[in-house]
Amino acid sequence: NLLAANVAGPFQRYTIDTIVNPTDLAFEH
């Protein structure tokens, strides 16, 4: 994580699980 200047704890942590539809990405050989 890249905190902005002067940002300090305490923090709470969150998980982010993402699925991208492959039809929207460009695959190349």
PDB file of all heavy atoms in Angstrom:
ATOM      1  N   ASN A   1       0.841  -1.198   0.000  1.00  0.00           N
ATOM      2  CA  ASN A   1       0.000   0.000   0.000  1.00  0.00           C
ATOM      3  C   ASN A   1       0.872   1.241   0.000  1.00  0.00           C
ATOM      4  O   ASN A   1       1.931   1.278   0.641  1.00  0.00           O
ATOM      5  CB  ASN A   1      -0.917   0.011   1.227  1.00  0.00           C
ATOM      6  CG  ASN A   1      -2.108  -0.928   1.099  1.00  0.00           C
ATOM      7  OD1 ASN A   1      -3.163  -0.660   1.639  1.00  0.00           O
ATOM      8  ND2 ASN A   1      -1.959  -2.029   0.370  1.00  0.00           N
ATOM      9  N   LEU A   2       0.433   2.286  -0.694  1.00  0.00           N
ATOM     10  CA  LEU A   2       1.182   3.539  -0.814  1.00  0.00           C
ATOM     11  C   LEU A   2       0.389   4.644  -0.127  1.00  0.00           C
ATOM     12  O   LEU A   2      -0.520   5.252  -0.716  1.00  0.00           O
ATOM     13  CB  LEU A   2       1.424   3.873  -2.294  1.00  0.00           C
ATOM     14  CG  LEU A   2       2.182   2.799  -3.090  1.00  0.00           C
ATOM     15  CD1 LEU A   2       2.208   3.160  -4.573  1.00  0.00           C
ATOM     16  CD2 LEU A   2       3.604   2.648  -2.551  1.00  0.00           C
ATOM     17  N   LEU A   3       0.714   4.892   1.129  1.00  0.00           N
ATOM     18  CA  LEU A   3      -0.003   5.895   1.919  1.00  0.00           C
ATOM     19  C   LEU A   3       0.369   7.302   1.494  1.00  0.00           C
ATOM     20  O   LEU A   3       1.522   7.576   1.147  1.00  0.00           O
ATOM     21  CB  LEU A   3       0.303   5.708   3.401  1.00  0.00           C
ATOM     22  CG  LEU A   3      -0.160   4.400   4.050  1.00  0.00           C
ATOM     23  CD1 LEU A   3       0.367   4.323   5.475  1.00  0.00           C
ATOM     24  CD2 LEU A   3      -1.680   4.296   4.026  1.00  0.00           C
ATOM     25  N   ALA A   4      -0.629   8.193   1.524  1.00  0.00           N
ATOM     26  CA  ALA A   4      -0.346   9.604   1.295  1.00  0.00           C
ATOM     27  C   ALA A   4       0.405  10.170   2.490  1.00  0.00           C
ATOM     28  O   ALA A   4       0.403   9.591   3.581  1.00  0.00           O
ATOM     29  CB  ALA A   4      -1.651  10.369   1.065  1.00  0.00           C
ATOM     30  N   ALA A   5       1.068  11.299   2.267  1.00  0.00           N
ATOM     31  CA  ALA A   5       1.832  11.934   3.340  1.00  0.00           C
ATOM     32  C   ALA A   5       0.914  12.275   4.515  1.00  0.00           C
ATOM     33  O   ALA A   5      -0.241  12.678   4.328  1.00  0.00           O
ATOM     34  CB  ALA A   5       2.511  13.201   2.816  1.00  0.00           C
ATOM     35  N   ASN A   6       1.433  12.077   5.712  1.00  0.00           N
ATOM     36  CA  ASN A   6       0.735  12.411   6.954  1.00  0.00           C
ATOM     37  C   ASN A   6      -0.465  11.508   7.253  1.00  0.00           C
ATOM     38  O   ASN A   6      -1.265  11.830   8.145  1.00  0.00           O
ATOM     39  CB  ASN A   6       0.275  13.884   6.946  1.00  0.00           C
ATOM     40  CG  ASN A   6       1.438  14.839   6.771  1.00  0.00           C
ATOM     41  OD1 ASN A   6       2.510  14.630   7.330  1.00  0.00           O
ATOM     42  ND2 ASN A   6       1.227  15.890   5.981  1.00  0.00           N
ATOM     43  N   VAL A   7      -0.609  10.418   6.521  1.00  0.00           N
ATOM     44  CA  VAL A   7      -1.679   9.458   6.831  1.00  0.00           C
ATOM     45  C   VAL A   7      -1.092   8.370   7.726  1.00  0.00           C
ATOM     46  O   VAL A   7      -0.122   7.716   7.370  1.00  0.00           O
ATOM     47  CB  VAL A   7      -2.269   8.834   5.559  1.00  0.00           C
ATOM     48  CG1 VAL A   7      -3.282   7.743   5.919  1.00  0.00           C
ATOM     49  CG2 VAL A   7      -2.935   9.910   4.711  1.00  0.00           C
ATOM     50  N   ALA A   8      -1.688   8.199   8.905  1.00  0.00           N
ATOM     51  CA  ALA A   8      -1.179   7.219   9.863  1.00  0.00           C
ATOM     52  C   ALA A   8      -2.335   6.383  10.413  1.00  0.00           C
ATOM     53  O   ALA A   8      -3.513   6.746  10.260  1.00  0.00           O
ATOM     54  CB  ALA A   8      -0.454   7.929  11.004  1.00  0.00           C
ATOM     55  N   GLY A   9      -1.993   5.255  11.051  1.00  0.00           N
ATOM     56  CA  GLY A   9      -2.990   4.363  11.600  1.00  0.00           C
ATOM     57  C   GLY A   9      -3.727   4.982  12.773  1.00  0.00           C
ATOM     58  O   GLY A   9      -3.440   6.123  13.176  1.00  0.00           O
ATOM     59  N   PRO A  10      -4.686   4.260  13.310  1.00  0.00           N
ATOM     60  CA  PRO A  10      -4.989   2.852  13.010  1.00  0.00           C
ATOM     61  C   PRO A  10      -5.768   2.688  11.699  1.00  0.00           C
ATOM     62  O   PRO A  10      -6.460   3.593  11.265  1.00  0.00           O
ATOM     63  CB  PRO A  10      -5.833   2.421  14.213  1.00  0.00           C
ATOM     64  CG  PRO A  10      -6.528   3.684  14.640  1.00  0.00           C
ATOM     65  CD  PRO A  10      -5.520   4.785  14.422  1.00  0.00           C
ATOM     66  N   PHE A  11      -5.600   1.478  11.121  1.00  0.00           N
ATOM     67  CA  PHE A  11      -6.265   1.155   9.863  1.00  0.00           C
ATOM     68  C   PHE A  11      -7.166  -0.055  10.056  1.00  0.00           C
ATOM     69  O   PHE A  11      -7.045  -0.799  11.038  1.00  0.00           O
ATOM     70  CB  PHE A  11      -5.238   0.816   8.774  1.00  0.00           C
ATOM     71  CG  PHE A  11      -4.261   1.914   8.486  1.00  0.00           C
ATOM     72  CD1 PHE A  11      -2.968   1.875   9.015  1.00  0.00           C
ATOM     73  CD2 PHE A  11      -4.615   2.978   7.674  1.00  0.00           C
ATOM     74  CE1 PHE A  11      -2.057   2.870   8.747  1.00  0.00           C
ATOM     75  CE2 PHE A  11      -3.707   3.992   7.395  1.00  0.00           C
ATOM     76  CZ  PHE A  11      -2.417   3.939   7.932  1.00  0.00           C
ATOM     77  N   GLN A  12      -8.054  -0.260   9.094  1.00  0.00           N
ATOM     78  CA  GLN A  12      -8.805  -1.506   8.960  1.00  0.00           C
ATOM     79  C   GLN A  12      -8.535  -2.053   7.568  1.00  0.00           C
ATOM     80  O   GLN A  12      -8.534  -1.301   6.587  1.00  0.00           O
ATOM     81  CB  GLN A  12     -10.305  -1.273   9.169  1.00  0.00           C
ATOM     82  CG  GLN A  12     -10.654  -0.938  10.620  1.00  0.00           C
ATOM     83  CD  GLN A  12     -12.113  -0.567  10.788  1.00  0.00           C
ATOM     84  OE1 GLN A  12     -12.663   0.221  10.027  1.00  0.00           O
ATOM     85  NE2 GLN A  12     -12.753  -1.141  11.818  1.00  0.00           N
ATOM     86  N   ARG A  13      -8.286  -3.360   7.492  1.00  0.00           N
ATOM     87  CA  ARG A  13      -7.884  -3.963   6.224  1.00  0.00           C
ATOM     88  C   ARG A  13      -9.086  -4.631   5.531  1.00  0.00           C
ATOM     89  O   ARG A  13      -9.917  -5.261   6.179  1.00  0.00           O
ATOM     90  CB  ARG A  13      -6.780  -4.990   6.455  1.00  0.00           C
ATOM     91  CG  ARG A  13      -6.197  -5.536   5.155  1.00  0.00           C
ATOM     92  CD  ARG A  13      -5.131  -6.591   5.403  1.00  0.00           C
ATOM     93  NE  ARG A  13      -4.019  -6.089   6.211  1.00  0.00           N
ATOM     94  CZ  ARG A  13      -2.846  -6.688   6.320  1.00  0.00           C
ATOM     95  NH1 ARG A  13      -2.636  -7.828   5.637  1.00  0.00           N
ATOM     96  NH2 ARG A  13      -1.899  -6.184   7.082  1.00  0.00           N
ATOM     97  N   TYR A  14      -9.129  -4.467   4.198  1.00  0.00           N
ATOM     98  CA  TYR A  14     -10.211  -5.046   3.403  1.00  0.00           C
ATOM     99  C   TYR A  14      -9.620  -5.886   2.269  1.00  0.00           C
ATOM    100  O   TYR A  14      -8.591  -5.522   1.687  1.00  0.00           O
ATOM    101  CB  TYR A  14     -11.116  -3.958   2.819  1.00  0.00           C
ATOM    102  CG  TYR A  14     -11.857  -3.186   3.891  1.00  0.00           C
ATOM    103  CD1 TYR A  14     -11.252  -2.093   4.527  1.00  0.00           C
ATOM    104  CD2 TYR A  14     -13.128  -3.559   4.295  1.00  0.00           C
ATOM    105  CE1 TYR A  14     -11.908  -1.393   5.529  1.00  0.00           C
ATOM    106  CE2 TYR A  14     -13.798  -2.863   5.298  1.00  0.00           C
ATOM    107  CZ  TYR A  14     -13.185  -1.782   5.906  1.00  0.00           C
ATOM    108  OH  TYR A  14     -13.835  -1.098   6.900  1.00  0.00           O
ATOM    109  N   THR A  15     -10.292  -7.006   1.974  1.00  0.00           N
ATOM    110  CA  THR A  15      -9.905  -7.825   0.820  1.00  0.00           C
ATOM    111  C   THR A  15     -10.768  -7.433  -0.372  1.00  0.00           C
ATOM    112  O   THR A  15     -11.965  -7.115  -0.227  1.00  0.00           O
ATOM    113  CB  THR A  15     -10.096  -9.320   1.109  1.00  0.00           C
ATOM    114  OG1 THR A  15     -11.477  -9.583   1.394  1.00  0.00           O
ATOM    115  CG2 THR A  15      -9.240  -9.752   2.278  1.00  0.00           C
ATOM    116  N   ILE A  16     -10.159  -7.446  -1.547  1.00  0.00           N
ATOM    117  CA  ILE A  16     -10.867  -7.125  -2.788  1.00  0.00           C
ATOM    118  C   ILE A  16     -10.612  -8.259  -3.773  1.00  0.00           C
ATOM    119  O   ILE A  16      -9.479  -8.440  -4.245  1.00  0.00           O
ATOM    120  CB  ILE A  16     -10.385  -5.784  -3.376  1.00  0.00           C
ATOM    121  CG1 ILE A  16     -10.583  -4.656  -2.361  1.00  0.00           C
ATOM    122  CG2 ILE A  16     -11.118  -5.475  -4.685  1.00  0.00           C
ATOM    123  CD1 ILE A  16      -9.886  -3.377  -2.740  1.00  0.00           C
ATOM    124  N   ASP A  17     -11.635  -9.051  -4.050  1.00  0.00           N
ATOM    125  CA  ASP A  17     -11.549 -10.141  -5.019  1.00  0.00           C
ATOM    126  C   ASP A  17     -12.355  -9.732  -6.249  1.00  0.00           C
ATOM    127  O   ASP A  17     -13.575  -9.516  -6.159  1.00  0.00           O
ATOM    128  CB  ASP A  17     -12.095 -11.432  -4.428  1.00  0.00           C
ATOM    129  CG  ASP A  17     -11.196 -11.947  -3.306  1.00  0.00           C
ATOM    130  OD1 ASP A  17     -10.105 -12.437  -3.620  1.00  0.00           O
ATOM    131  OD2 ASP A  17     -11.594 -11.834  -2.123  1.00  0.00           O
ATOM    132  N   THR A  18     -11.687  -9.613  -7.378  1.00  0.00           N
ATOM    133  CA  THR A  18     -12.314  -9.077  -8.587  1.00  0.00           C
ATOM    134  C   THR A  18     -12.240 -10.084  -9.727  1.00  0.00           C
ATOM    135  O   THR A  18     -11.239 -10.796  -9.876  1.00  0.00           O
ATOM    136  CB  THR A  18     -11.620  -7.768  -9.004  1.00  0.00           C
ATOM    137  OG1 THR A  18     -11.767  -6.810  -7.951  1.00  0.00           O
ATOM    138  CG2 THR A  18     -12.228  -7.195 -10.282  1.00  0.00           C
ATOM    139  N   ILE A  19     -13.290 -10.151 -10.504  1.00  0.00           N
ATOM    140  CA  ILE A  19     -13.327 -10.956 -11.720  1.00  0.00           C
ATOM    141  C   ILE A  19     -13.623 -10.037 -12.894  1.00  0.00           C
ATOM    142  O   ILE A  19     -14.562  -9.242 -12.855  1.00  0.00           O
ATOM    143  CB  ILE A  19     -14.376 -12.071 -11.620  1.00  0.00           C
ATOM    144  CG1 ILE A  19     -13.984 -13.055 -10.513  1.00  0.00           C
ATOM    145  CG2 ILE A  19     -14.528 -12.799 -12.938  1.00  0.00           C
ATOM    146  CD1 ILE A  19     -14.926 -14.220 -10.357  1.00  0.00           C
ATOM    147  N   VAL A  20     -12.782 -10.132 -13.924  1.00  0.00           N
ATOM    148  CA  VAL A  20     -12.919  -9.346 -15.146  1.00  0.00           C
ATOM    149  C   VAL A  20     -13.434 -10.251 -16.256  1.00  0.00           C
ATOM    150  O   VAL A  20     -12.962 -11.383 -16.415  1.00  0.00           O
ATOM    151  CB  VAL A  20     -11.564  -8.724 -15.548  1.00  0.00           C
ATOM    152  CG1 VAL A  20     -11.683  -7.984 -16.871  1.00  0.00           C
ATOM    153  CG2 VAL A  20     -11.071  -7.786 -14.454  1.00  0.00           C
ATOM    154  N   ASN A  21     -14.390  -9.767 -17.026  1.00  0.00           N
ATOM    155  CA  ASN A  21     -14.876 -10.538 -18.167  1.00  0.00           C
ATOM    156  C   ASN A  21     -13.804 -10.552 -19.251  1.00  0.00           C
ATOM    157  O   ASN A  21     -13.439  -9.501 -19.775  1.00  0.00           O
ATOM    158  CB  ASN A  21     -16.163  -9.905 -18.701  1.00  0.00           C
ATOM    159  CG  ASN A  21     -16.874 -10.800 -19.698  1.00  0.00           C
ATOM    160  OD1 ASN A  21     -16.281 -11.720 -20.257  1.00  0.00           O
ATOM    161  ND2 ASN A  21     -18.140 -10.529 -19.914  1.00  0.00           N
ATOM    162  N   PRO A  22     -13.276 -11.725 -19.639  1.00  0.00           N
ATOM    163  CA  PRO A  22     -12.199 -11.765 -20.635  1.00  0.00           C
ATOM    164  C   PRO A  22     -12.600 -11.207 -21.992  1.00  0.00           C
ATOM    165  O   PRO A  22     -11.741 -10.793 -22.767  1.00  0.00           O
ATOM    166  CB  PRO A  22     -11.863 -13.264 -20.734  1.00  0.00           C
ATOM    167  CG  PRO A  22     -12.364 -13.858 -19.469  1.00  0.00           C
ATOM    168  CD  PRO A  22     -13.577 -13.065 -19.098  1.00  0.00           C
ATOM    169  N   THR A  23     -13.904 -11.182 -22.298  1.00  0.00           N
ATOM    170  CA  THR A  23     -14.323 -10.671 -23.607  1.00  0.00           C
ATOM    171  C   THR A  23     -14.009  -9.186 -23.771  1.00  0.00           C
ATOM    172  O   THR A  23     -14.013  -8.667 -24.894  1.00  0.00           O
ATOM    173  CB  THR A  23     -15.831 -10.874 -23.814  1.00  0.00           C
ATOM    174  OG1 THR A  23     -16.555 -10.155 -22.818  1.00  0.00           O
ATOM    175  CG2 THR A  23     -16.192 -12.340 -23.754  1.00  0.00           C
ATOM    176  N   ASP A  24     -13.747  -8.493 -22.656  1.00  0.00           N
ATOM    177  CA  ASP A  24     -13.471  -7.053 -22.723  1.00  0.00           C
ATOM    178  C   ASP A  24     -11.984  -6.734 -22.806  1.00  0.00           C
ATOM    179  O   ASP A  24     -11.613  -5.559 -22.881  1.00  0.00           O
ATOM    180  CB  ASP A  24     -14.073  -6.356 -21.502  1.00  0.00           C
ATOM    181  CG  ASP A  24     -15.587  -6.437 -21.483  1.00  0.00           C
ATOM    182  OD1 ASP A  24     -16.182  -6.488 -22.570  1.00  0.00           O
ATOM    183  OD2 ASP A  24     -16.170  -6.462 -20.377  1.00  0.00           O
ATOM    184  N   LEU A  25     -11.119  -7.761 -22.752  1.00  0.00           N
ATOM    185  CA  LEU A  25      -9.678  -7.552 -22.833  1.00  0.00           C
ATOM    186  C   LEU A  25      -9.163  -7.965 -24.206  1.00  0.00           C
ATOM    187  O   LEU A  25      -9.767  -8.805 -24.883  1.00  0.00           O
ATOM    188  CB  LEU A  25      -8.953  -8.353 -21.743  1.00  0.00           C
ATOM    189  CG  LEU A  25      -9.311  -8.025 -20.293  1.00  0.00           C
ATOM    190  CD1 LEU A  25      -8.552  -8.958 -19.357  1.00  0.00           C
ATOM    191  CD2 LEU A  25      -9.019  -6.571 -19.970  1.00  0.00           C
ATOM    192  N   ALA A  26      -8.049  -7.398 -24.614  1.00  0.00           N
ATOM    193  CA  ALA A  26      -7.435  -7.719 -25.906  1.00  0.00           C
ATOM    194  C   ALA A  26      -6.309  -8.719 -25.694  1.00  0.00           C
ATOM    195  O   ALA A  26      -5.302  -8.399 -25.078  1.00  0.00           O
ATOM    196  CB  ALA A  26      -6.903  -6.449 -26.571  1.00  0.00           C
ATOM    197  N   PHE A  27      -6.492  -9.921 -26.193  1.00  0.00           N
ATOM    198  CA  PHE A  27      -5.449 -10.943 -26.153  1.00  0.00           C
ATOM    199  C   PHE A  27      -4.716 -10.955 -27.494  1.00  0.00           C
ATOM    200  O   PHE A  27      -5.334 -10.859 -28.559  1.00  0.00           O
ATOM    201  CB  PHE A  27      -6.044 -12.326 -25.880  1.00  0.00           C
ATOM    202  CG  PHE A  27      -6.429 -12.544 -24.450  1.00  0.00           C
ATOM    203  CD1 PHE A  27      -7.634 -12.081 -23.965  1.00  0.00           C
ATOM    204  CD2 PHE A  27      -5.567 -13.185 -23.582  1.00  0.00           C
ATOM    205  CE1 PHE A  27      -7.990 -12.277 -22.638  1.00  0.00           C
ATOM    206  CE2 PHE A  27      -5.915 -13.398 -22.254  1.00  0.00           C
ATOM    207  CZ  PHE A  27      -7.125 -12.935 -21.780  1.00  0.00           C
ATOM    208  N   GLU A  28      -3.397 -11.082 -27.433  1.00  0.00           N
ATOM    209  CA  GLU A  28      -2.579 -11.091 -28.640  1.00  0.00           C
ATOM    210  C   GLU A  28      -1.775 -12.384 -28.701  1.00  0.00           C
ATOM    211  O   GLU A  28      -1.366 -12.933 -27.674  1.00  0.00           O
ATOM    212  CB  GLU A  28      -1.638  -9.880 -28.648  1.00  0.00           C
ATOM    213  CG  GLU A  28      -2.385  -8.557 -28.637  1.00  0.00           C
ATOM    214  CD  GLU A  28      -1.435  -7.380 -28.500  1.00  0.00           C
ATOM    215  OE1 GLU A  28      -0.381  -7.541 -27.843  1.00  0.00           O
ATOM    216  OE2 GLU A  28      -1.735  -6.318 -29.056  1.00  0.00           O
ATOM    217  N   HIS A  29      -1.512 -12.855 -29.908  1.00  0.00           N
ATOM    218  CA  HIS A  29      -0.703 -14.060 -30.092  1.00  0.00           C
ATOM    219  C   HIS A  29       0.766 -13.762 -29.778  1.00  0.00           C
ATOM    220  O   HIS A  29       1.316 -12.750 -30.205  1.00  0.00           O
ATOM    221  CB  HIS A  29      -0.817 -14.551 -31.529  1.00  0.00           C
ATOM    222  CG  HIS A  29      -2.128 -15.212 -31.824  1.00  0.00           C
ATOM    223  ND1 HIS A  29      -2.438 -16.480 -31.384  1.00  0.00           N
ATOM    224  CD2 HIS A  29      -3.211 -14.773 -32.497  1.00  0.00           C
ATOM    225  CE1 HIS A  29      -3.648 -16.798 -31.785  1.00  0.00           C
ATOM    226  NE2 HIS A  29      -4.147 -15.776 -32.469  1.00  0.00           N
TER     227      HIS A  29
END
